[in-house]
Protein backbone atom coordinates (compact mmCIF):
# COMPACT_ATOMS: atom_id res chain seq x y z
CA UNK A 1 1.56 -49.21 -104.30
CA UNK A 2 1.30 -52.41 -102.30
CA UNK A 3 -1.28 -55.02 -103.30
CA UNK A 4 -3.21 -57.50 -101.21
CA UNK A 5 -0.63 -60.16 -102.14
CA UNK A 6 2.36 -58.01 -101.18
CA UNK A 7 4.39 -59.04 -98.13
CA UNK A 8 4.63 -55.32 -97.32
CA UNK A 9 0.88 -54.77 -97.31
CA UNK A 10 0.80 -54.52 -93.52
CA UNK A 11 3.36 -51.72 -93.60
CA UNK A 12 1.43 -49.91 -96.34
CA UNK A 13 -1.82 -50.25 -94.38
CA UNK A 14 -0.14 -48.80 -91.29
CA UNK A 15 1.11 -45.82 -93.28
CA UNK A 16 -2.31 -44.92 -94.68
CA UNK A 17 -3.96 -45.44 -91.27
CA UNK A 18 -1.98 -42.67 -89.57
CA UNK A 19 -4.36 -39.70 -90.03
CA UNK A 20 -7.24 -41.61 -88.47
CA UNK A 21 -4.98 -42.94 -85.73
CA UNK A 22 -3.82 -39.45 -84.76
CA UNK A 23 -7.42 -38.34 -84.28
CA UNK A 24 -8.46 -41.55 -82.53
CA UNK A 25 -5.82 -41.25 -79.78
CA UNK A 26 -5.62 -37.44 -79.48
CA UNK A 27 -7.99 -36.99 -76.53
CA UNK A 28 -6.78 -40.13 -74.74
CA UNK A 29 -3.22 -38.86 -75.03
CA UNK A 30 -4.22 -35.53 -73.51
CA UNK A 31 -5.81 -37.33 -70.56
CA UNK A 32 -2.77 -39.58 -70.08
CA UNK A 33 -0.47 -36.53 -70.00
CA UNK A 34 -2.56 -34.76 -67.38
CA UNK A 35 -2.59 -37.88 -65.21
CA UNK A 36 1.17 -38.41 -65.56
CA UNK A 37 2.05 -34.80 -64.78
CA UNK A 38 -0.10 -34.93 -61.66
CA UNK A 39 2.63 -37.03 -59.98
CA UNK A 40 5.19 -34.21 -60.17
CA UNK A 41 5.81 -30.49 -59.85
CA UNK A 42 6.67 -29.79 -63.52
CA UNK A 43 7.13 -26.05 -62.91
CA UNK A 44 10.35 -26.91 -61.07
CA UNK A 45 11.91 -28.91 -63.90
CA UNK A 46 15.01 -27.31 -65.37
CA UNK A 47 15.98 -29.88 -68.01
CA UNK A 48 14.28 -32.58 -70.08
CA UNK A 49 15.95 -35.71 -71.46
CA UNK A 50 14.51 -38.40 -73.68
CA UNK A 51 15.97 -41.88 -73.97
CA UNK A 52 14.96 -44.64 -76.34
CA UNK A 53 16.17 -47.07 -78.97
CA UNK A 54 15.60 -46.89 -82.72
CA UNK A 55 12.34 -45.11 -83.57
CA UNK A 56 11.90 -44.12 -79.92
CA UNK A 57 15.26 -42.34 -80.01
CA UNK A 58 14.28 -40.56 -83.24
CA UNK A 59 10.97 -39.45 -81.73
CA UNK A 60 12.83 -37.62 -79.01
CA UNK A 61 15.11 -35.93 -81.54
CA UNK A 62 12.10 -34.91 -83.62
CA UNK A 63 10.59 -33.08 -80.65
CA UNK A 64 13.58 -31.09 -79.42
CA UNK A 65 12.33 -28.06 -81.34
CA UNK A 66 8.88 -28.38 -79.74
CA UNK A 67 10.26 -28.33 -76.19
CA UNK A 68 12.50 -25.37 -77.00
CA UNK A 69 9.63 -23.49 -78.67
CA UNK A 70 6.83 -24.22 -76.20
CA UNK A 71 8.70 -24.68 -72.90
CA UNK A 72 11.96 -22.76 -73.30
CA UNK A 73 13.70 -25.64 -71.57
CA UNK A 74 16.94 -27.38 -72.49
CA UNK A 75 15.95 -30.73 -73.96
CA UNK A 76 18.41 -33.46 -74.92
CA UNK A 77 17.41 -36.56 -76.86
CA UNK A 78 19.88 -39.45 -76.56
CA UNK A 79 19.87 -43.15 -77.24
CA UNK A 80 18.95 -45.30 -74.27
CA UNK A 81 22.43 -46.77 -73.89
CA UNK A 82 24.10 -43.38 -74.20
CA UNK A 83 21.85 -42.06 -71.45
CA UNK A 84 22.24 -45.03 -69.13
CA UNK A 85 25.99 -45.46 -69.44
CA UNK A 86 27.21 -41.90 -70.06
CA UNK A 87 24.57 -39.34 -68.98
CA UNK A 88 22.66 -40.62 -65.97
CA UNK A 89 25.41 -40.02 -63.41
CA UNK A 90 25.97 -36.38 -64.42
CA UNK A 91 22.40 -35.08 -64.71
CA UNK A 92 21.70 -31.45 -63.79
CA UNK A 93 19.34 -30.85 -60.86
CA UNK A 94 15.58 -30.93 -61.36
CA UNK A 95 15.73 -33.11 -64.45
CA UNK A 96 12.95 -35.21 -65.91
CA UNK A 97 13.64 -38.22 -68.12
CA UNK A 98 11.08 -39.36 -70.67
CA UNK A 99 11.87 -43.03 -71.23
CA UNK A 100 10.33 -43.97 -74.59
CA UNK A 101 9.45 -47.53 -75.60
CA UNK A 102 6.26 -48.61 -77.33
CA UNK A 103 6.49 -52.22 -76.15
CA UNK A 104 7.88 -51.18 -72.79
CA UNK A 105 10.17 -54.22 -72.72
CA UNK A 106 13.41 -52.82 -74.20
CA UNK A 107 16.16 -53.59 -71.69
CA UNK A 108 18.37 -50.54 -72.31
CA UNK A 109 15.39 -48.18 -72.10
CA UNK A 110 14.29 -49.70 -68.79
CA UNK A 111 17.88 -49.39 -67.57
CA UNK A 112 17.91 -45.70 -68.53
CA UNK A 113 14.80 -45.06 -66.44
CA UNK A 114 16.17 -47.05 -63.50
CA UNK A 115 19.46 -45.12 -63.45
CA UNK A 116 17.68 -41.78 -63.86
CA UNK A 117 15.57 -42.52 -60.79
CA UNK A 118 18.65 -43.58 -58.87
CA UNK A 119 20.23 -40.23 -59.76
CA UNK A 120 17.23 -38.37 -58.34
CA UNK A 121 15.52 -37.42 -61.60
CA UNK A 122 11.79 -37.55 -62.18
CA UNK A 123 10.87 -40.25 -64.68
CA UNK A 124 7.96 -40.75 -67.07
CA UNK A 125 7.55 -43.77 -69.32
CA UNK A 126 6.16 -42.90 -72.76
CA UNK A 127 4.79 -46.24 -73.89
CA UNK A 128 2.00 -48.17 -75.52
CA UNK A 129 1.91 -50.67 -72.65
CA UNK A 130 0.96 -49.36 -69.22
CA UNK A 131 1.79 -52.65 -67.48
CA UNK A 132 5.22 -53.09 -69.08
CA UNK A 133 8.64 -53.08 -67.46
CA UNK A 134 9.39 -49.47 -68.34
CA UNK A 135 5.99 -48.33 -67.00
CA UNK A 136 6.64 -50.14 -63.71
CA UNK A 137 10.15 -48.72 -63.43
CA UNK A 138 9.16 -45.09 -64.04
CA UNK A 139 7.52 -42.90 -61.42
CA UNK A 140 4.62 -42.33 -63.82
CA UNK A 141 3.54 -43.59 -67.22
CA UNK A 142 2.17 -41.77 -70.23
CA UNK A 143 0.61 -44.90 -71.68
CA UNK A 144 -1.36 -44.76 -74.94
CA UNK A 145 -2.31 -48.23 -76.26
CA UNK A 146 -2.18 -48.59 -80.03
CA UNK A 147 -4.49 -51.07 -81.79
CA UNK A 148 -2.43 -53.59 -83.75
CA UNK A 149 -2.50 -53.79 -87.55
CA UNK A 150 -0.32 -56.73 -88.48
CA UNK A 151 3.43 -57.25 -88.28
CA UNK A 152 5.49 -54.51 -89.96
CA UNK A 153 8.32 -52.08 -89.24
CA UNK A 154 7.06 -49.60 -86.64
CA UNK A 155 4.86 -46.91 -88.20
CA UNK A 156 1.84 -46.28 -85.97
CA UNK A 157 3.87 -46.40 -82.77
CA UNK A 158 6.14 -43.60 -84.04
CA UNK A 159 3.12 -41.42 -84.84
CA UNK A 160 1.74 -41.84 -81.31
CA UNK A 161 5.13 -41.19 -79.73
CA UNK A 162 5.44 -37.93 -81.66
CA UNK A 163 1.91 -36.88 -80.73
CA UNK A 164 2.55 -37.69 -77.06
CA UNK A 165 5.72 -35.61 -76.95
CA UNK A 166 4.22 -32.66 -78.84
CA UNK A 167 1.23 -32.52 -76.52
CA UNK A 168 3.43 -32.94 -73.47
CA UNK A 169 5.55 -29.98 -74.60
CA UNK A 170 2.41 -27.86 -74.94
CA UNK A 171 1.17 -28.80 -71.47
CA UNK A 172 4.56 -27.99 -69.96
CA UNK A 173 4.61 -24.67 -71.77
CA UNK A 174 1.28 -23.80 -70.18
CA UNK A 175 2.37 -24.87 -66.71
CA UNK A 176 5.58 -22.88 -66.99
CA UNK A 177 3.60 -19.89 -68.36
CA UNK A 178 5.75 -19.73 -71.46
CA UNK A 179 2.60 -19.83 -73.57
CA UNK A 180 -0.92 -18.87 -72.53
CA UNK A 181 -3.82 -21.29 -72.40
CA UNK A 182 -5.24 -19.67 -75.54
CA UNK A 183 -1.93 -20.06 -77.38
CA UNK A 184 -1.59 -23.67 -76.28
CA UNK A 185 -5.11 -24.42 -77.43
CA UNK A 186 -4.44 -22.82 -80.81
CA UNK A 187 -1.34 -24.97 -81.21
CA UNK A 188 -3.33 -28.07 -80.25
CA UNK A 189 -5.85 -27.26 -82.95
CA UNK A 190 -3.01 -26.96 -85.46
CA UNK A 191 -1.65 -30.29 -84.27
CA UNK A 192 -5.06 -31.93 -84.63
CA UNK A 193 -5.28 -30.39 -88.10
CA UNK A 194 -2.09 -32.16 -89.16
CA UNK A 195 -4.27 -35.24 -89.73
CA UNK A 196 -5.93 -33.47 -92.67
CA UNK A 197 -2.52 -32.65 -94.13
CA UNK A 198 -1.47 -36.29 -93.78
CA UNK A 199 -4.70 -37.40 -95.44
CA UNK A 200 -4.16 -35.06 -98.40
CA UNK A 201 -0.44 -35.81 -98.76
CA UNK A 202 -0.66 -39.56 -99.23
CA UNK A 203 -2.56 -39.54 -102.55
CA UNK A 204 -0.31 -36.69 -103.72
CA UNK A 205 2.82 -38.81 -103.21
CA UNK A 206 1.65 -42.42 -103.52
CA UNK A 207 1.86 -42.75 -107.31
CA UNK A 208 5.20 -40.90 -107.44
CA UNK A 209 6.60 -43.14 -104.72
CA UNK A 210 5.46 -46.22 -106.64
CA UNK A 211 7.19 -44.98 -109.80
CA UNK A 212 10.38 -44.24 -107.88
CA UNK A 213 10.37 -47.67 -106.29
CA UNK A 214 10.18 -49.25 -109.74
CA UNK A 215 12.90 -47.01 -111.17
CA UNK A 216 15.32 -47.28 -108.27
CA UNK A 217 14.59 -50.80 -107.08
CA UNK A 218 18.14 -52.02 -107.79
CA UNK A 219 19.83 -49.24 -105.84
CA UNK A 220 21.56 -50.57 -102.73
CA UNK A 221 22.83 -47.32 -101.18
CA UNK A 222 20.61 -44.42 -100.11
CA UNK A 223 21.12 -41.18 -98.21
CA UNK A 224 18.41 -39.15 -96.43
CA UNK A 225 19.15 -35.56 -95.44
CA UNK A 226 17.44 -33.21 -93.00
CA UNK A 227 18.21 -30.66 -90.31
CA UNK A 228 16.45 -29.72 -87.08
CA UNK A 229 13.38 -31.93 -86.61
CA UNK A 230 13.85 -33.18 -90.17
CA UNK A 231 17.12 -34.83 -89.20
CA UNK A 232 15.03 -37.16 -87.06
CA UNK A 233 12.74 -37.71 -90.05
CA UNK A 234 15.78 -38.60 -92.15
CA UNK A 235 16.89 -41.12 -89.52
CA UNK A 236 13.41 -42.64 -89.35
CA UNK A 237 13.09 -42.80 -93.15
CA UNK A 238 16.47 -44.47 -93.55
CA UNK A 239 15.56 -46.98 -90.84
CA UNK A 240 12.30 -47.93 -92.56
CA UNK A 241 14.15 -48.54 -95.85
CA UNK A 242 16.65 -50.81 -94.11
CA UNK A 243 13.94 -52.67 -92.20
CA UNK A 244 11.60 -53.17 -95.16
CA UNK A 245 14.07 -53.77 -98.00
CA UNK A 246 17.46 -54.51 -96.48
CA UNK A 247 19.10 -51.75 -98.52
CA UNK A 248 21.95 -49.71 -97.06
CA UNK A 249 20.53 -46.36 -96.00
CA UNK A 250 22.06 -43.54 -93.99
CA UNK A 251 20.78 -40.32 -92.55
CA UNK A 252 22.86 -37.15 -92.49
CA UNK A 253 22.50 -33.51 -91.51
CA UNK A 254 22.17 -31.29 -94.58
CA UNK A 255 25.31 -29.29 -93.85
CA UNK A 256 27.33 -32.36 -92.88
CA UNK A 257 26.58 -33.94 -96.28
CA UNK A 258 29.03 -31.45 -97.80
CA UNK A 259 31.73 -32.61 -95.40
CA UNK A 260 31.15 -36.38 -95.71
CA UNK A 261 28.87 -37.84 -98.41
CA UNK A 262 30.04 -35.32 -101.00
CA UNK A 263 33.16 -37.51 -101.33
CA UNK A 264 31.23 -40.75 -101.86
CA UNK A 265 32.47 -42.46 -105.03
CA UNK A 266 29.13 -44.17 -105.69
CA UNK A 267 27.79 -41.49 -108.00
CA UNK A 268 24.26 -42.80 -108.51
CA UNK A 269 23.38 -42.95 -104.79
CA UNK A 270 19.75 -41.75 -104.46
CA UNK A 271 19.74 -38.79 -102.10
CA UNK A 272 16.52 -37.60 -100.49
CA UNK A 273 16.29 -34.18 -98.85
CA UNK A 274 13.53 -33.59 -96.31
CA UNK A 275 12.98 -29.84 -96.25
CA UNK A 276 9.78 -28.32 -94.87
CA UNK A 277 9.56 -24.55 -95.09
CA UNK A 278 11.65 -23.38 -92.18
CA UNK A 279 15.15 -22.77 -90.93
CA UNK A 280 17.05 -25.18 -93.19
CA UNK A 281 15.29 -24.58 -96.51
CA UNK A 282 17.75 -21.95 -97.75
CA UNK A 283 20.75 -24.25 -97.19
CA UNK A 284 18.96 -27.12 -98.91
CA UNK A 285 18.36 -24.93 -101.96
CA UNK A 286 22.05 -24.06 -102.04
CA UNK A 287 23.30 -27.62 -101.76
CA UNK A 288 20.87 -29.36 -104.13
CA UNK A 289 22.64 -28.39 -107.40
CA UNK A 290 25.88 -29.83 -106.03
CA UNK A 291 24.19 -33.12 -105.16
CA UNK A 292 22.58 -33.39 -108.58
CA UNK A 293 25.76 -32.21 -110.29
CA UNK A 294 27.62 -35.21 -108.88
CA UNK A 295 25.17 -37.51 -110.66
CA UNK A 296 23.17 -38.46 -107.58
CA UNK A 297 19.48 -39.14 -108.14
CA UNK A 298 17.85 -36.40 -106.08
CA UNK A 299 14.47 -36.52 -104.35
CA UNK A 300 12.98 -33.73 -102.29
CA UNK A 301 10.14 -34.02 -99.78
CA UNK A 302 8.81 -30.49 -99.38
CA UNK A 303 5.75 -28.28 -99.41
CA UNK A 304 3.64 -28.40 -102.56
CA UNK A 305 4.02 -24.60 -102.67
CA UNK A 306 7.82 -24.75 -102.99
CA UNK A 307 9.15 -24.66 -106.56
CA UNK A 308 12.37 -26.32 -107.70
CA UNK A 309 14.35 -26.06 -110.94
CA UNK A 310 15.35 -29.14 -112.97
CA UNK A 311 18.96 -28.34 -112.04
CA UNK A 312 18.09 -28.79 -108.39
CA UNK A 313 16.19 -32.08 -108.17
CA UNK A 314 14.86 -34.98 -110.20
CA UNK A 315 11.64 -35.54 -108.26
CA UNK A 316 9.59 -33.57 -105.76
CA UNK A 317 7.41 -35.53 -103.34
CA UNK A 318 4.90 -32.87 -102.26
CA UNK A 319 3.37 -32.31 -98.85
CA UNK A 320 -0.10 -31.20 -99.85
CA UNK A 321 -0.91 -28.61 -97.15
CA UNK A 322 1.10 -26.24 -94.94
CA UNK A 323 2.22 -27.59 -91.58
CA UNK A 324 4.39 -25.79 -89.00
CA UNK A 325 8.00 -26.98 -89.06
CA UNK A 326 7.74 -27.93 -85.40
CA UNK A 327 5.05 -30.55 -86.27
CA UNK A 328 6.53 -31.54 -89.65
CA UNK A 329 7.92 -34.94 -88.51
CA UNK A 330 4.36 -36.31 -88.50
CA UNK A 331 3.95 -35.59 -92.22
CA UNK A 332 7.35 -35.44 -93.91
CA UNK A 333 8.06 -39.15 -93.36
CA UNK A 334 4.98 -40.30 -95.30
CA UNK A 335 6.48 -40.33 -98.79
């Protein structure tokens, strides 16, 4: 683990602060959502887009399942430039764009919101800065300030973005009468309870992660695999490795690994599968022996209840408590 003298201590501190942060901002996020939605007629929306850069793009991807599950609405997460330059002029009617930027000053994200408004879409800025450029450009802002904790690759901002989008999906589901108030409240309680899972998971994985860092510290090429919301977690995890260490790291869909990275000649490439219990677990179990059989060092982030054979993986990084797959991005990035 990081020490007080480590240059990555700020990043480590941000990681371990996430359970408390989720609970600290939960109610304020609920209030910000209700205020933002009051500017629109959400029952009339027929499509949801998210646009952002880097982590903000991944947050949208991570929540596609939530919008499908709770709202039964088509939801498309795209990068800010892709949206601005290739999507904004062909939007379907009654669209809402969620422009995501923690700082609120990212030029391409502001541009995406501006062009969405010009196309007649409703726009909401999801940001940590209610007075920022993206908040001013959008018709409404879902602004949740995040107390700073030193300079480090974005950790806390991603947690709040995920929470904001999950709660927004639940509110929309209620308004559209896809889920009842009682069902929405039960899901909110499960979402609040994810903090306890995060709290229990970190000590369960911390020592293992430290050992792996020592063992694999010279490796320059990494692959992270996931499907559904876990594909976003793979993207986020790869990004944090690049940002913190400068190593080459890629994210790939579990199935697509067999069509691309299977042919990689660098046999020792550490390969990490992110597989919560859910729709992609069976395919992960099928593909793991092939990954390990090629000589790749295999890591699996999964539920502590899931068992693996030595032929399937070298190391399991356990998630200590059950969490619904739809909320798994909050927890499965911790290791």
